[in-house]
Amino acid sequence: MIPSSKEITILFSLFNQGRIAEAEALARSMTIRFPKYGYGWNVLGAALGMLGRSAEALEPLRKATKLLPADAQIHNNR
């Protein structure tokens, strides 16, 4: 299962608007409910990195890489 398109749109909107703490909270929730949704892990890792929590960002980005190994953006975020 994956999140609804509405929830995905909200997540990316929050992130793109610079509302990083809110994006982090939604991405964290998303990874709990949809652990196989790689973009949730990617946004969580990117948000943590932007919040200055680089060490904490590594594990979500590793998970995103495993789920979406061909996604160049995830490798860049990592």
PDB file of N, CA and C in Angstrom:
ATOM      1  N   MET A   1       0.837  -1.195   0.000  1.00  0.00           N
ATOM      2  CA  MET A   1       0.000   0.000   0.000  1.00  0.00           C
ATOM      3  C   MET A   1       0.880   1.256   0.000  1.00  0.00           C
ATOM      4  N   ILE A   2       0.312   2.306  -0.550  1.00  0.00           N
ATOM      5  CA  ILE A   2       0.981   3.606  -0.539  1.00  0.00           C
ATOM      6  C   ILE A   2      -0.001   4.651  -0.018  1.00  0.00           C
ATOM      7  N   PRO A   3       0.520   5.800   0.400  1.00  0.00           N
ATOM      8  CA  PRO A   3      -0.369   6.870   0.867  1.00  0.00           C
ATOM      9  C   PRO A   3      -1.277   7.351  -0.259  1.00  0.00           C
ATOM     10  N   SER A   4      -2.326   8.047   0.112  1.00  0.00           N
ATOM     11  CA  SER A   4      -3.230   8.618  -0.890  1.00  0.00           C
ATOM     12  C   SER A   4      -2.497   9.697  -1.675  1.00  0.00           C
ATOM     13  N   SER A   5      -2.959   9.959  -2.867  1.00  0.00           N
ATOM     14  CA  SER A   5      -2.332  11.005  -3.683  1.00  0.00           C
ATOM     15  C   SER A   5      -2.436  12.364  -2.992  1.00  0.00           C
ATOM     16  N   LYS A   6      -3.516  12.572  -2.253  1.00  0.00           N
ATOM     17  CA  LYS A   6      -3.677  13.835  -1.525  1.00  0.00           C
ATOM     18  C   LYS A   6      -2.585  13.987  -0.455  1.00  0.00           C
ATOM     19  N   GLU A   7      -2.329  12.906   0.272  1.00  0.00           N
ATOM     20  CA  GLU A   7      -1.320  12.971   1.327  1.00  0.00           C
ATOM     21  C   GLU A   7       0.077  13.161   0.729  1.00  0.00           C
ATOM     22  N   ILE A   8       0.336  12.518  -0.399  1.00  0.00           N
ATOM     23  CA  ILE A   8       1.623  12.676  -1.073  1.00  0.00           C
ATOM     24  C   ILE A   8       1.797  14.117  -1.535  1.00  0.00           C
ATOM     25  N   THR A   9       0.755  14.684  -2.099  1.00  0.00           N
ATOM     26  CA  THR A   9       0.794  16.077  -2.555  1.00  0.00           C
ATOM     27  C   THR A   9       1.060  17.017  -1.385  1.00  0.00           C
ATOM     28  N   ILE A  10       0.400  16.776  -0.271  1.00  0.00           N
ATOM     29  CA  ILE A  10       0.606  17.614   0.916  1.00  0.00           C
ATOM     30  C   ILE A  10       2.054  17.512   1.387  1.00  0.00           C
ATOM     31  N   LEU A  11       2.591  16.300   1.426  1.00  0.00           N
ATOM     32  CA  LEU A  11       3.969  16.099   1.873  1.00  0.00           C
ATOM     33  C   LEU A  11       4.939  16.896   1.007  1.00  0.00           C
ATOM     34  N   PHE A  12       4.841  16.732  -0.306  1.00  0.00           N
ATOM     35  CA  PHE A  12       5.763  17.431  -1.191  1.00  0.00           C
ATOM     36  C   PHE A  12       5.532  18.941  -1.159  1.00  0.00           C
ATOM     37  N   SER A  13       4.294  19.375  -0.977  1.00  0.00           N
ATOM     38  CA  SER A  13       4.007  20.812  -0.876  1.00  0.00           C
ATOM     39  C   SER A  13       4.656  21.411   0.365  1.00  0.00           C
ATOM     40  N   LEU A  14       4.506  20.732   1.490  1.00  0.00           N
ATOM     41  CA  LEU A  14       5.127  21.217   2.726  1.00  0.00           C
ATOM     42  C   LEU A  14       6.634  21.349   2.545  1.00  0.00           C
ATOM     43  N   PHE A  15       7.234  20.310   2.002  1.00  0.00           N
ATOM     44  CA  PHE A  15       8.684  20.317   1.809  1.00  0.00           C
ATOM     45  C   PHE A  15       9.094  21.446   0.865  1.00  0.00           C
ATOM     46  N   ASN A  16       8.420  21.570  -0.253  1.00  0.00           N
ATOM     47  CA  ASN A  16       8.779  22.583  -1.254  1.00  0.00           C
ATOM     48  C   ASN A  16       8.510  24.007  -0.785  1.00  0.00           C
ATOM     49  N   GLN A  17       7.589  24.175   0.156  1.00  0.00           N
ATOM     50  CA  GLN A  17       7.297  25.498   0.712  1.00  0.00           C
ATOM     51  C   GLN A  17       8.256  25.857   1.841  1.00  0.00           C
ATOM     52  N   GLY A  18       9.165  24.946   2.166  1.00  0.00           N
ATOM     53  CA  GLY A  18      10.113  25.208   3.240  1.00  0.00           C
ATOM     54  C   GLY A  18       9.565  24.956   4.627  1.00  0.00           C
ATOM     55  N   ARG A  19       8.434  24.298   4.686  1.00  0.00           N
ATOM     56  CA  ARG A  19       7.827  23.974   5.984  1.00  0.00           C
ATOM     57  C   ARG A  19       8.369  22.600   6.410  1.00  0.00           C
ATOM     58  N   ILE A  20       9.665  22.594   6.687  1.00  0.00           N
ATOM     59  CA  ILE A  20      10.434  21.366   6.838  1.00  0.00           C
ATOM     60  C   ILE A  20      10.032  20.582   8.088  1.00  0.00           C
ATOM     61  N   ALA A  21       9.807  21.244   9.191  1.00  0.00           N
ATOM     62  CA  ALA A  21       9.413  20.531  10.411  1.00  0.00           C
ATOM     63  C   ALA A  21       8.074  19.815  10.204  1.00  0.00           C
ATOM     64  N   GLU A  22       7.145  20.471   9.515  1.00  0.00           N
ATOM     65  CA  GLU A  22       5.856  19.835   9.232  1.00  0.00           C
ATOM     66  C   GLU A  22       6.023  18.677   8.251  1.00  0.00           C
ATOM     67  N   ALA A  23       6.886  18.860   7.272  1.00  0.00           N
ATOM     68  CA  ALA A  23       7.152  17.787   6.310  1.00  0.00           C
ATOM     69  C   ALA A  23       7.789  16.606   7.022  1.00  0.00           C
ATOM     70  N   GLU A  24       8.699  16.880   7.941  1.00  0.00           N
ATOM     71  CA  GLU A  24       9.329  15.801   8.708  1.00  0.00           C
ATOM     72  C   GLU A  24       8.284  15.010   9.487  1.00  0.00           C
ATOM     73  N   ALA A  25       7.386  15.708  10.162  1.00  0.00           N
ATOM     74  CA  ALA A  25       6.361  15.029  10.955  1.00  0.00           C
ATOM     75  C   ALA A  25       5.458  14.167  10.078  1.00  0.00           C
ATOM     76  N   LEU A  26       5.043  14.678   8.937  1.00  0.00           N
ATOM     77  CA  LEU A  26       4.184  13.909   8.051  1.00  0.00           C
ATOM     78  C   LEU A  26       4.946  12.735   7.443  1.00  0.00           C
ATOM     79  N   ALA A  27       6.191  12.964   7.039  1.00  0.00           N
ATOM     80  CA  ALA A  27       6.993  11.878   6.469  1.00  0.00           C
ATOM     81  C   ALA A  27       7.227  10.781   7.505  1.00  0.00           C
ATOM     82  N   ARG A  28       7.492  11.161   8.736  1.00  0.00           N
ATOM     83  CA  ARG A  28       7.700  10.170   9.806  1.00  0.00           C
ATOM     84  C   ARG A  28       6.437   9.335   9.988  1.00  0.00           C
ATOM     85  N   SER A  29       5.295   9.982  10.023  1.00  0.00           N
ATOM     86  CA  SER A  29       4.018   9.272  10.131  1.00  0.00           C
ATOM     87  C   SER A  29       3.816   8.335   8.951  1.00  0.00           C
ATOM     88  N   MET A  30       4.167   8.826   7.770  1.00  0.00           N
ATOM     89  CA  MET A  30       4.006   8.048   6.550  1.00  0.00           C
ATOM     90  C   MET A  30       4.886   6.797   6.570  1.00  0.00           C
ATOM     91  N   THR A  31       6.118   6.927   7.075  1.00  0.00           N
ATOM     92  CA  THR A  31       7.009   5.772   7.103  1.00  0.00           C
ATOM     93  C   THR A  31       6.528   4.711   8.083  1.00  0.00           C
ATOM     94  N   ILE A  32       5.829   5.122   9.102  1.00  0.00           N
ATOM     95  CA  ILE A  32       5.261   4.156  10.060  1.00  0.00           C
ATOM     96  C   ILE A  32       4.089   3.427   9.421  1.00  0.00           C
ATOM     97  N   ARG A  33       3.230   4.176   8.749  1.00  0.00           N
ATOM     98  CA  ARG A  33       2.030   3.573   8.152  1.00  0.00           C
ATOM     99  C   ARG A  33       2.294   2.868   6.831  1.00  0.00           C
ATOM    100  N   PHE A  34       3.296   3.342   6.094  1.00  0.00           N
ATOM    101  CA  PHE A  34       3.607   2.790   4.766  1.00  0.00           C
ATOM    102  C   PHE A  34       5.119   2.559   4.671  1.00  0.00           C
ATOM    103  N   PRO A  35       5.639   1.582   5.392  1.00  0.00           N
ATOM    104  CA  PRO A  35       7.091   1.392   5.470  1.00  0.00           C
ATOM    105  C   PRO A  35       7.756   1.018   4.142  1.00  0.00           C
ATOM    106  N   LYS A  36       7.001   0.619   3.159  1.00  0.00           N
ATOM    107  CA  LYS A  36       7.587   0.271   1.861  1.00  0.00           C
ATOM    108  C   LYS A  36       7.468   1.403   0.844  1.00  0.00           C
ATOM    109  N   TYR A  37       7.022   2.565   1.282  1.00  0.00           N
ATOM    110  CA  TYR A  37       6.898   3.736   0.409  1.00  0.00           C
ATOM    111  C   TYR A  37       8.213   4.519   0.491  1.00  0.00           C
ATOM    112  N   GLY A  38       9.066   4.326  -0.497  1.00  0.00           N
ATOM    113  CA  GLY A  38      10.408   4.886  -0.482  1.00  0.00           C
ATOM    114  C   GLY A  38      10.480   6.392  -0.435  1.00  0.00           C
ATOM    115  N   TYR A  39       9.532   7.070  -1.080  1.00  0.00           N
ATOM    116  CA  TYR A  39       9.593   8.532  -1.094  1.00  0.00           C
ATOM    117  C   TYR A  39       9.307   9.126   0.282  1.00  0.00           C
ATOM    118  N   GLY A  40       8.547   8.424   1.094  1.00  0.00           N
ATOM    119  CA  GLY A  40       8.342   8.874   2.470  1.00  0.00           C
ATOM    120  C   GLY A  40       9.661   8.874   3.235  1.00  0.00           C
ATOM    121  N   TRP A  41      10.445   7.798   3.052  1.00  0.00           N
ATOM    122  CA  TRP A  41      11.759   7.711   3.682  1.00  0.00           C
ATOM    123  C   TRP A  41      12.692   8.786   3.132  1.00  0.00           C
ATOM    124  N   ASN A  42      12.619   9.030   1.833  1.00  0.00           N
ATOM    125  CA  ASN A  42      13.472  10.036   1.224  1.00  0.00           C
ATOM    126  C   ASN A  42      13.177  11.429   1.792  1.00  0.00           C
ATOM    127  N   VAL A  43      11.911  11.790   1.852  1.00  0.00           N
ATOM    128  CA  VAL A  43      11.558  13.113   2.382  1.00  0.00           C
ATOM    129  C   VAL A  43      11.936  13.210   3.855  1.00  0.00           C
ATOM    130  N   LEU A  44      11.739  12.137   4.608  1.00  0.00           N
ATOM    131  CA  LEU A  44      12.126  12.159   6.019  1.00  0.00           C
ATOM    132  C   LEU A  44      13.621  12.423   6.145  1.00  0.00           C
ATOM    133  N   GLY A  45      14.426  11.691   5.383  1.00  0.00           N
ATOM    134  CA  GLY A  45      15.872  11.895   5.448  1.00  0.00           C
ATOM    135  C   GLY A  45      16.289  13.285   5.007  1.00  0.00           C
ATOM    136  N   ALA A  46      15.706  13.764   3.919  1.00  0.00           N
ATOM    137  CA  ALA A  46      16.038  15.103   3.428  1.00  0.00           C
ATOM    138  C   ALA A  46      15.635  16.173   4.449  1.00  0.00           C
ATOM    139  N   ALA A  47      14.460  16.012   5.039  1.00  0.00           N
ATOM    140  CA  ALA A  47      13.989  16.989   6.033  1.00  0.00           C
ATOM    141  C   ALA A  47      14.905  17.000   7.249  1.00  0.00           C
ATOM    142  N   LEU A  48      15.277  15.821   7.724  1.00  0.00           N
ATOM    143  CA  LEU A  48      16.179  15.765   8.878  1.00  0.00           C
ATOM    144  C   LEU A  48      17.508  16.432   8.566  1.00  0.00           C
ATOM    145  N   GLY A  49      18.013  16.194   7.364  1.00  0.00           N
ATOM    146  CA  GLY A  49      19.254  16.842   6.964  1.00  0.00           C
ATOM    147  C   GLY A  49      19.124  18.355   6.943  1.00  0.00           C
ATOM    148  N   MET A  50      18.010  18.848   6.423  1.00  0.00           N
ATOM    149  CA  MET A  50      17.797  20.294   6.357  1.00  0.00           C
ATOM    150  C   MET A  50      17.612  20.913   7.742  1.00  0.00           C
ATOM    151  N   LEU A  51      17.171  20.080   8.684  1.00  0.00           N
ATOM    152  CA  LEU A  51      16.994  20.569  10.052  1.00  0.00           C
ATOM    153  C   LEU A  51      18.290  20.452  10.861  1.00  0.00           C
ATOM    154  N   GLY A  52      19.383  20.084  10.170  1.00  0.00           N
ATOM    155  CA  GLY A  52      20.681  19.995  10.836  1.00  0.00           C
ATOM    156  C   GLY A  52      20.897  18.689  11.581  1.00  0.00           C
ATOM    157  N   ARG A  53      20.087  17.695  11.306  1.00  0.00           N
ATOM    158  CA  ARG A  53      20.180  16.404  11.994  1.00  0.00           C
ATOM    159  C   ARG A  53      20.713  15.346  11.015  1.00  0.00           C
ATOM    160  N   SER A  54      21.892  15.634  10.471  1.00  0.00           N
ATOM    161  CA  SER A  54      22.478  14.815   9.412  1.00  0.00           C
ATOM    162  C   SER A  54      22.692  13.369   9.823  1.00  0.00           C
ATOM    163  N   ALA A  55      23.179  13.130  11.011  1.00  0.00           N
ATOM    164  CA  ALA A  55      23.416  11.750  11.456  1.00  0.00           C
ATOM    165  C   ALA A  55      22.106  10.966  11.502  1.00  0.00           C
ATOM    166  N   GLU A  56      21.060  11.620  11.966  1.00  0.00           N
ATOM    167  CA  GLU A  56      19.741  10.984  12.057  1.00  0.00           C
ATOM    168  C   GLU A  56      19.137  10.754  10.668  1.00  0.00           C
ATOM    169  N   ALA A  57      19.549  11.551   9.698  1.00  0.00           N
ATOM    170  CA  ALA A  57      19.012  11.452   8.334  1.00  0.00           C
ATOM    171  C   ALA A  57      19.521  10.227   7.581  1.00  0.00           C
ATOM    172  N   LEU A  58      20.657   9.696   7.979  1.00  0.00           N
ATOM    173  CA  LEU A  58      21.279   8.610   7.225  1.00  0.00           C
ATOM    174  C   LEU A  58      20.429   7.350   7.142  1.00  0.00           C
ATOM    175  N   GLU A  59      19.848   6.932   8.236  1.00  0.00           N
ATOM    176  CA  GLU A  59      19.068   5.682   8.218  1.00  0.00           C
ATOM    177  C   GLU A  59      17.835   5.776   7.316  1.00  0.00           C
ATOM    178  N   PRO A  60      17.029   6.842   7.398  1.00  0.00           N
ATOM    179  CA  PRO A  60      15.912   6.945   6.453  1.00  0.00           C
ATOM    180  C   PRO A  60      16.377   6.964   4.992  1.00  0.00           C
ATOM    181  N   LEU A  61      17.500   7.623   4.723  1.00  0.00           N
ATOM    182  CA  LEU A  61      17.992   7.666   3.348  1.00  0.00           C
ATOM    183  C   LEU A  61      18.509   6.299   2.896  1.00  0.00           C
ATOM    184  N   ARG A  62      19.070   5.526   3.805  1.00  0.00           N
ATOM    185  CA  ARG A  62      19.478   4.155   3.468  1.00  0.00           C
ATOM    186  C   ARG A  62      18.255   3.319   3.108  1.00  0.00           C
ATOM    187  N   LYS A  63      17.204   3.468   3.900  1.00  0.00           N
ATOM    188  CA  LYS A  63      15.973   2.715   3.617  1.00  0.00           C
ATOM    189  C   LYS A  63      15.389   3.133   2.270  1.00  0.00           C
ATOM    190  N   ALA A  64      15.396   4.429   1.990  1.00  0.00           N
ATOM    191  CA  ALA A  64      14.877   4.916   0.709  1.00  0.00           C
ATOM    192  C   ALA A  64      15.692   4.345  -0.441  1.00  0.00           C
ATOM    193  N   THR A  65      17.003   4.284  -0.275  1.00  0.00           N
ATOM    194  CA  THR A  65      17.878   3.745  -1.317  1.00  0.00           C
ATOM    195  C   THR A  65      17.575   2.274  -1.588  1.00  0.00           C
ATOM    196  N   LYS A  66      17.320   1.520  -0.531  1.00  0.00           N
ATOM    197  CA  LYS A  66      16.987   0.098  -0.701  1.00  0.00           C
ATOM    198  C   LYS A  66      15.660  -0.076  -1.437  1.00  0.00           C
ATOM    199  N   LEU A  67      14.705   0.791  -1.134  1.00  0.00           N
ATOM    200  CA  LEU A  67      13.382   0.683  -1.755  1.00  0.00           C
ATOM    201  C   LEU A  67      13.356   1.222  -3.185  1.00  0.00           C
ATOM    202  N   LEU A  68      14.177   2.218  -3.465  1.00  0.00           N
ATOM    203  CA  LEU A  68      14.196   2.866  -4.786  1.00  0.00           C
ATOM    204  C   LEU A  68      15.648   3.007  -5.255  1.00  0.00           C
ATOM    205  N   PRO A  69      16.314   1.894  -5.543  1.00  0.00           N
ATOM    206  CA  PRO A  69      17.753   1.947  -5.848  1.00  0.00           C
ATOM    207  C   PRO A  69      18.123   2.738  -7.100  1.00  0.00           C
ATOM    208  N   ALA A  70      17.209   2.932  -8.019  1.00  0.00           N
ATOM    209  CA  ALA A  70      17.522   3.654  -9.258  1.00  0.00           C
ATOM    210  C   ALA A  70      17.225   5.149  -9.170  1.00  0.00           C
ATOM    211  N   ASP A  71      16.726   5.622  -8.045  1.00  0.00           N
ATOM    212  CA  ASP A  71      16.344   7.032  -7.917  1.00  0.00           C
ATOM    213  C   ASP A  71      17.573   7.883  -7.594  1.00  0.00           C
ATOM    214  N   ALA A  72      18.010   8.685  -8.551  1.00  0.00           N
ATOM    215  CA  ALA A  72      19.211   9.500  -8.393  1.00  0.00           C
ATOM    216  C   ALA A  72      19.052  10.551  -7.294  1.00  0.00           C
ATOM    217  N   GLN A  73      17.856  11.078  -7.116  1.00  0.00           N
ATOM    218  CA  GLN A  73      17.643  12.117  -6.101  1.00  0.00           C
ATOM    219  C   GLN A  73      17.933  11.558  -4.697  1.00  0.00           C
ATOM    220  N   ILE A  74      17.539  10.336  -4.458  1.00  0.00           N
ATOM    221  CA  ILE A  74      17.794   9.733  -3.143  1.00  0.00           C
ATOM    222  C   ILE A  74      19.292   9.600  -2.926  1.00  0.00           C
ATOM    223  N   HIS A  75      20.009   9.143  -3.941  1.00  0.00           N
ATOM    224  CA  HIS A  75      21.466   9.020  -3.805  1.00  0.00           C
ATOM    225  C   HIS A  75      22.089  10.384  -3.571  1.00  0.00           C
ATOM    226  N   ASN A  76      21.571  11.409  -4.218  1.00  0.00           N
ATOM    227  CA  ASN A  76      22.071  12.766  -4.019  1.00  0.00           C
ATOM    228  C   ASN A  76      21.796  13.245  -2.599  1.00  0.00           C
ATOM    229  N   ASN A  77      20.617  12.972  -2.084  1.00  0.00           N
ATOM    230  CA  ASN A  77      20.272  13.385  -0.723  1.00  0.00           C
ATOM    231  C   ASN A  77      21.177  12.693   0.297  1.00  0.00           C
ATOM    232  N   ARG A  78      21.504  11.474  -0.002  1.00  0.00           N
ATOM    233  CA  ARG A  78      22.328  10.689   0.908  1.00  0.00           C
ATOM    234  C   ARG A  78      23.739  11.223   0.911  1.00  0.00           C
TER     235      ARG A  78
END
